[in-house]
Amino acid sequence: MTTALSGRDAYKDELAQLAETEERIICLEADLGGKNHPFQSRHPDRFLNLGIAELAGVDIAAGLAEAGYVPFISTFAAFAALRASESVKLSMGYMGKNVKLVAPYGGVSGGWFGTTHHALEDIAVIQSFQNIRMACPHGEEETRRVIREAAASAEPYYIRLSRNDAFESLPRASERSCRDLLVEDRATDARASLCLISVGEQATELCKKLTEEYEFVAHAHACYVDSQSLKAYVEPLKTLADRFLVVEEHRATGGTASYLALLMPEHPVYSHNCGERWPTYGGTHAEVLADLGFGLEPLRRQIQSLLGGPDGI
């Protein structure tokens, strides 16, 4: 059995494959491409390492898009959404240039890299810039699908990935876009007492495990979290439950739960997130998440509280 690739490795491999038949694709890196980058190896004339110049990099990508190319530019999520935010806002949001901004190291997946390289605010920042598609894929196959969808679209994209996590994606029908809300199969057809909405890889893995424990809990995975996509999720979500718990490796402020609460004022929308503290604990991805109170046991306790006790309802 083939071992699944991490999201950032799946991105590199899928983009290199797409470039075999789509000559307009150009790959830009902000000094984190690494050795033996598959795109650089296979298409050296269309690979540019711009160094630590994220703001300029987005502007360069916008210029290439104006010339008819399809530029994918990759850098740390913290630098993509924050250091380069003015160029993202103007070039991608305001002018709508066909730039694909791929942001690994989302959340605290950088672990030991520390607070400067963590991104717990990026979804809030990018979501506030209208007209940018924003995807947080889970697992190798969904990441590959998102890259294909981005390459085929004329819209600007922000694609949030982790670092080294490798997961099998939830099964999705071959004809279904990653823009569609993905509802995990349940043992019962009864209306759920609570619906978990997962955003990103760690969140989706937690929700997969916990929906197996609770008969009356549904799980809907949201890959795309831009405002247009969230609006499209509202009606499908309302058919699943009356209460919702968004699980997201992000701050509560400006996260997906915040926007869904505005879109569904008649339904309680709760959040399992990374809190408001700055992540100052040095450790692995899992250790930093645990220090921020994001994980299996805290989420289990939150679900139990919402269901009315440890035995649920």
Protein backbone atom coordinates (compact mmCIF):
# COMPACT_ATOMS: atom_id res chain seq x y z
CA MET A 1 0.00 0.00 0.00
CA THR A 2 1.34 3.42 -0.98
CA THR A 3 1.99 5.78 1.91
CA ALA A 4 -0.01 9.00 1.72
CA LEU A 5 1.88 12.21 1.02
CA SER A 6 1.59 15.29 3.19
CA GLY A 7 -0.46 18.13 1.77
CA ARG A 8 2.55 20.25 0.84
CA ASP A 9 4.27 17.31 -0.91
CA ALA A 10 1.03 16.40 -2.70
CA TYR A 11 0.79 20.01 -3.88
CA LYS A 12 4.28 19.98 -5.38
CA ASP A 13 3.77 16.65 -7.10
CA GLU A 14 0.31 17.47 -8.46
CA LEU A 15 1.40 20.85 -9.79
CA ALA A 16 4.38 19.28 -11.56
CA GLN A 17 2.02 16.77 -13.18
CA LEU A 18 -0.45 19.44 -14.27
CA ALA A 19 2.36 21.47 -15.83
CA GLU A 20 3.09 18.59 -18.22
CA THR A 21 0.00 19.53 -20.23
CA GLU A 22 -0.66 23.12 -19.10
CA GLU A 23 2.24 25.27 -20.24
CA ARG A 24 0.84 28.41 -18.61
CA ILE A 25 1.50 27.10 -15.09
CA ILE A 26 4.47 28.70 -13.33
CA CYS A 27 5.70 27.75 -9.86
CA LEU A 28 7.07 30.46 -7.57
CA GLU A 29 8.62 29.73 -4.18
CA ALA A 30 9.61 32.10 -1.36
CA ASP A 31 12.75 30.26 -0.29
CA LEU A 32 11.04 27.11 1.04
CA GLY A 33 11.00 24.87 -2.02
CA GLY A 34 13.58 22.49 -0.60
CA LYS A 35 15.90 20.16 -2.43
CA ASN A 36 14.61 18.03 -5.29
CA HIS A 37 11.43 20.05 -5.73
CA PRO A 38 9.51 17.99 -8.33
CA PHE A 39 8.41 21.05 -10.27
CA GLN A 40 11.94 22.45 -10.41
CA SER A 41 13.29 19.06 -11.51
CA ARG A 42 10.73 18.59 -14.28
CA HIS A 43 10.12 22.19 -15.39
CA PRO A 44 13.22 24.23 -14.44
CA ASP A 45 12.42 26.99 -16.95
CA ARG A 46 9.08 27.65 -15.18
CA PHE A 47 10.33 27.50 -11.58
CA LEU A 48 11.42 30.64 -9.74
CA ASN A 49 12.73 30.81 -6.17
CA LEU A 50 12.16 34.45 -5.25
CA GLY A 51 13.74 34.23 -1.81
CA ILE A 52 12.32 35.90 1.27
CA ALA A 53 10.27 38.47 -0.64
CA GLU A 54 6.64 37.51 -0.07
CA LEU A 55 5.07 40.91 -0.73
CA ALA A 56 6.97 41.34 -4.00
CA GLY A 57 6.32 37.70 -4.85
CA VAL A 58 2.55 38.16 -4.88
CA ASP A 59 2.97 41.25 -7.08
CA ILE A 60 5.23 39.31 -9.46
CA ALA A 61 2.64 36.54 -9.60
CA ALA A 62 -0.06 39.14 -10.37
CA GLY A 63 2.04 40.45 -13.26
CA LEU A 64 2.47 36.93 -14.63
CA ALA A 65 -1.29 36.37 -14.32
CA GLU A 66 -1.92 39.59 -16.25
CA ALA A 67 0.34 38.22 -19.00
CA GLY A 68 -1.82 35.10 -19.27
CA TYR A 69 0.13 32.67 -17.07
CA VAL A 70 -1.28 30.67 -14.14
CA PRO A 71 1.16 31.36 -11.29
CA PHE A 72 1.23 29.28 -8.11
CA ILE A 73 3.25 30.95 -5.37
CA SER A 74 4.06 29.23 -2.08
CA THR A 75 5.25 30.50 1.28
CA PHE A 76 4.54 30.04 5.00
CA ALA A 77 0.89 30.77 5.81
CA ALA A 78 1.91 33.44 8.33
CA PHE A 79 3.87 35.33 5.67
CA ALA A 80 1.34 34.72 2.89
CA ALA A 81 -1.61 36.11 4.85
CA LEU A 82 0.13 38.73 6.99
CA ARG A 83 3.44 39.91 5.56
CA ALA A 84 2.04 39.94 2.01
CA SER A 85 -1.47 41.00 3.01
CA GLU A 86 -1.52 44.34 1.18
CA SER A 87 -0.57 42.72 -2.12
CA VAL A 88 -3.03 39.89 -1.51
CA LYS A 89 -5.77 42.42 -0.80
CA LEU A 90 -5.08 44.58 -3.86
CA SER A 91 -3.77 42.15 -6.49
CA MET A 92 -5.96 39.15 -5.66
CA GLY A 93 -8.98 40.62 -3.85
CA TYR A 94 -9.50 44.01 -5.46
CA MET A 95 -8.12 43.33 -8.95
CA GLY A 96 -9.00 39.63 -8.99
CA LYS A 97 -5.75 38.49 -10.61
CA ASN A 98 -5.52 34.77 -11.28
CA VAL A 99 -2.92 34.05 -8.57
CA LYS A 100 -2.86 30.80 -6.57
CA LEU A 101 -1.31 31.43 -3.16
CA VAL A 102 -0.39 28.12 -1.53
CA ALA A 103 0.30 28.42 2.19
CA PRO A 104 1.81 25.45 4.06
CA TYR A 105 2.58 25.67 7.78
CA GLY A 106 -1.02 26.68 8.49
CA GLY A 107 -2.06 26.90 12.13
CA VAL A 108 0.75 25.78 14.43
CA SER A 109 1.97 22.97 12.16
CA GLY A 110 5.41 24.60 12.20
CA GLY A 111 5.73 23.48 15.83
CA TRP A 112 9.26 24.40 16.87
CA PHE A 113 9.43 27.30 14.39
CA GLY A 114 7.57 29.36 16.97
CA THR A 115 5.10 32.21 17.09
CA THR A 116 6.64 34.13 14.17
CA HIS A 117 5.92 31.18 11.86
CA HIS A 118 2.53 30.15 13.26
CA ALA A 119 -0.68 31.23 11.51
CA LEU A 120 -3.79 31.31 13.66
CA GLU A 121 -5.16 34.47 12.04
CA ASP A 122 -4.85 33.76 8.32
CA ILE A 123 -8.42 32.58 7.67
CA ALA A 124 -9.79 35.75 9.30
CA VAL A 125 -7.47 37.95 7.22
CA ILE A 126 -8.06 36.32 3.84
CA GLN A 127 -11.79 35.87 4.40
CA SER A 128 -12.09 39.64 4.87
CA PHE A 129 -10.72 40.19 1.34
CA GLN A 130 -13.64 39.53 -0.98
CA ASN A 131 -13.40 37.42 -4.14
CA ILE A 132 -10.59 35.08 -3.03
CA ARG A 133 -11.40 31.37 -2.94
CA MET A 134 -10.03 29.83 0.24
CA ALA A 135 -9.50 26.09 0.66
CA CYS A 136 -8.26 24.04 3.63
CA PRO A 137 -7.99 20.52 2.19
CA HIS A 138 -7.71 17.35 4.27
CA GLY A 139 -5.39 14.60 3.10
CA GLU A 140 -3.52 13.89 -0.09
CA GLU A 141 -6.40 13.25 -2.51
CA GLU A 142 -8.41 16.30 -1.48
CA THR A 143 -5.27 18.45 -1.73
CA ARG A 144 -4.65 17.17 -5.24
CA ARG A 145 -8.27 17.89 -6.19
CA VAL A 146 -8.05 21.43 -4.86
CA ILE A 147 -4.86 22.07 -6.84
CA ARG A 148 -6.58 20.81 -10.00
CA GLU A 149 -9.64 22.95 -9.30
CA ALA A 150 -7.47 26.01 -8.67
CA ALA A 151 -5.50 25.47 -11.88
CA ALA A 152 -8.71 25.17 -13.91
CA SER A 153 -10.31 28.27 -12.35
CA ALA A 154 -9.71 31.91 -13.28
CA GLU A 155 -10.31 32.94 -9.65
CA PRO A 156 -7.60 33.90 -7.15
CA TYR A 157 -7.01 31.18 -4.54
CA TYR A 158 -5.60 30.88 -1.03
CA ILE A 159 -4.84 27.23 -0.19
CA ARG A 160 -3.96 26.49 3.44
CA LEU A 161 -1.86 23.38 4.09
CA SER A 162 -0.04 21.90 7.07
CA ARG A 163 3.61 20.87 7.19
CA ASN A 164 4.36 17.14 7.43
CA ASP A 165 0.99 15.64 8.39
CA ALA A 166 -0.13 12.88 6.00
CA PHE A 167 -3.71 11.63 6.02
CA GLU A 168 -6.09 9.67 3.83
CA SER A 169 -8.82 12.00 2.59
CA LEU A 170 -12.47 11.32 3.31
CA PRO A 171 -14.06 9.53 0.33
CA ARG A 172 -15.70 11.88 -2.15
CA ALA A 173 -17.57 10.89 -5.32
CA SER A 174 -15.36 11.39 -8.37
CA GLU A 175 -17.73 13.89 -9.94
CA ARG A 176 -18.15 16.03 -6.78
CA SER A 177 -16.14 19.21 -6.41
CA CYS A 178 -14.26 19.96 -3.19
CA ARG A 179 -16.47 23.06 -3.05
CA ASP A 180 -19.34 20.79 -2.04
CA LEU A 181 -19.91 20.20 1.65
CA LEU A 182 -18.85 16.62 2.43
CA VAL A 183 -21.10 14.86 4.93
CA GLU A 184 -19.62 11.74 6.51
CA ASP A 185 -21.91 8.69 6.49
CA ARG A 186 -23.66 7.89 9.78
CA ALA A 187 -25.11 4.68 11.20
CA THR A 188 -28.51 6.33 11.62
CA ASP A 189 -30.66 8.48 9.35
CA ALA A 190 -32.18 10.32 12.33
CA ARG A 191 -31.63 14.06 12.55
CA ALA A 192 -28.48 14.79 14.54
CA SER A 193 -28.52 16.56 17.90
CA LEU A 194 -25.25 18.27 16.97
CA CYS A 195 -23.26 18.63 13.76
CA LEU A 196 -19.48 18.94 13.83
CA ILE A 197 -18.06 21.06 11.01
CA SER A 198 -14.40 20.34 10.38
CA VAL A 199 -11.98 22.75 8.71
CA GLY A 200 -8.45 21.56 7.97
CA GLU A 201 -6.57 18.34 8.56
CA GLN A 202 -6.21 18.09 12.34
CA ALA A 203 -9.82 19.14 12.87
CA THR A 204 -11.14 16.62 10.37
CA GLU A 205 -9.19 13.79 11.98
CA LEU A 206 -10.64 14.69 15.39
CA CYS A 207 -14.18 14.81 14.02
CA LYS A 208 -13.81 11.46 12.26
CA LYS A 209 -12.86 9.80 15.54
CA LEU A 210 -15.53 11.41 17.70
CA THR A 211 -18.51 10.93 15.38
CA GLU A 212 -17.86 7.20 15.73
CA GLU A 213 -18.49 7.55 19.48
CA TYR A 214 -21.74 9.51 19.38
CA GLU A 215 -24.78 8.20 17.52
CA PHE A 216 -26.53 11.57 17.45
CA VAL A 217 -23.57 13.61 16.20
CA ALA A 218 -23.11 14.32 12.48
CA HIS A 219 -19.91 15.39 10.73
CA ALA A 220 -19.73 17.80 7.78
CA HIS A 221 -16.29 18.55 6.33
CA ALA A 222 -15.87 22.02 4.79
CA CYS A 223 -12.90 22.22 2.44
CA TYR A 224 -13.64 25.70 1.06
CA VAL A 225 -14.22 28.43 3.66
CA ASP A 226 -14.44 31.65 1.64
CA SER A 227 -17.61 33.67 2.12
CA GLN A 228 -19.23 32.43 -1.11
CA SER A 229 -18.70 28.80 -0.18
CA LEU A 230 -19.92 29.24 3.39
CA LYS A 231 -23.12 30.83 2.11
CA ALA A 232 -23.66 27.79 -0.12
CA TYR A 233 -23.25 25.44 2.88
CA VAL A 234 -26.04 27.00 4.94
CA GLU A 235 -29.03 25.14 3.53
CA PRO A 236 -27.32 21.70 3.45
CA LEU A 237 -26.18 22.22 7.04
CA LYS A 238 -29.69 23.07 8.22
CA THR A 239 -30.89 19.66 7.02
CA LEU A 240 -28.41 17.91 9.33
CA ALA A 241 -28.97 19.51 12.73
CA ASP A 242 -30.07 22.60 14.63
CA ARG A 243 -26.78 23.13 16.50
CA PHE A 244 -23.27 23.25 15.12
CA LEU A 245 -19.74 22.98 16.48
CA VAL A 246 -17.00 24.22 14.14
CA VAL A 247 -13.62 22.57 14.75
CA GLU A 248 -10.80 24.67 13.32
CA GLU A 249 -7.07 25.15 13.97
CA HIS A 250 -7.44 28.92 14.24
CA ARG A 251 -8.39 31.60 16.70
CA ALA A 252 -12.08 32.01 17.53
CA THR A 253 -11.94 35.62 16.35
CA GLY A 254 -12.64 35.78 12.63
CA GLY A 255 -12.75 32.02 12.19
CA THR A 256 -15.25 30.00 10.19
CA ALA A 257 -17.59 29.69 13.18
CA SER A 258 -17.82 33.48 13.39
CA TYR A 259 -19.01 33.82 9.82
CA LEU A 260 -21.39 30.87 9.97
CA ALA A 261 -22.96 32.35 13.10
CA LEU A 262 -23.75 35.48 11.08
CA LEU A 263 -25.21 33.40 8.27
CA MET A 264 -27.35 31.22 10.59
CA PRO A 265 -28.56 33.58 13.36
CA GLU A 266 -31.39 31.21 14.32
CA HIS A 267 -28.98 28.33 15.03
CA PRO A 268 -26.40 28.11 17.83
CA VAL A 269 -22.88 27.88 16.34
CA TYR A 270 -20.09 26.91 18.75
CA SER A 271 -16.35 26.72 18.17
CA HIS A 272 -13.50 24.41 19.14
CA ASN A 273 -10.40 26.46 18.39
CA CYS A 274 -6.93 27.39 19.58
CA GLY A 275 -8.04 30.10 21.97
CA GLU A 276 -6.73 33.63 22.30
CA ARG A 277 -3.30 33.01 23.86
CA TRP A 278 -0.14 33.39 21.83
CA PRO A 279 1.46 29.98 21.22
CA THR A 280 4.75 30.24 23.10
CA TYR A 281 5.28 26.54 23.84
CA GLY A 282 8.02 24.93 21.75
CA GLY A 283 7.29 21.43 20.56
CA THR A 284 5.79 19.27 17.86
CA HIS A 285 2.59 20.19 16.06
CA ALA A 286 0.57 17.95 18.38
CA GLU A 287 2.28 19.30 21.52
CA VAL A 288 1.65 22.93 20.60
CA LEU A 289 -2.01 22.17 19.84
CA ALA A 290 -2.36 20.42 23.20
CA ASP A 291 -0.87 23.42 24.99
CA LEU A 292 -3.51 25.60 23.30
CA GLY A 293 -6.35 23.31 24.41
CA PHE A 294 -7.11 21.95 20.93
CA GLY A 295 -7.39 18.19 20.72
CA LEU A 296 -9.32 14.98 21.17
CA GLU A 297 -10.02 15.13 24.91
CA PRO A 298 -10.95 18.83 25.04
CA LEU A 299 -13.24 18.36 22.04
CA ARG A 300 -14.81 15.25 23.59
CA ARG A 301 -15.55 17.21 26.77
CA GLN A 302 -17.06 20.05 24.76
CA ILE A 303 -19.31 17.64 22.83
CA GLN A 304 -20.40 15.96 26.06
CA SER A 305 -21.25 19.32 27.58
CA LEU A 306 -23.35 20.28 24.56
CA LEU A 307 -25.12 16.92 24.56
CA GLY A 308 -25.95 17.16 28.25
CA GLY A 309 -23.39 14.91 29.92
CA PRO A 310 -20.79 12.18 29.33
CA ASP A 311 -23.39 9.73 28.04
CA GLY A 312 -24.88 12.12 25.52
CA ILE A 313 -28.59 12.05 24.88
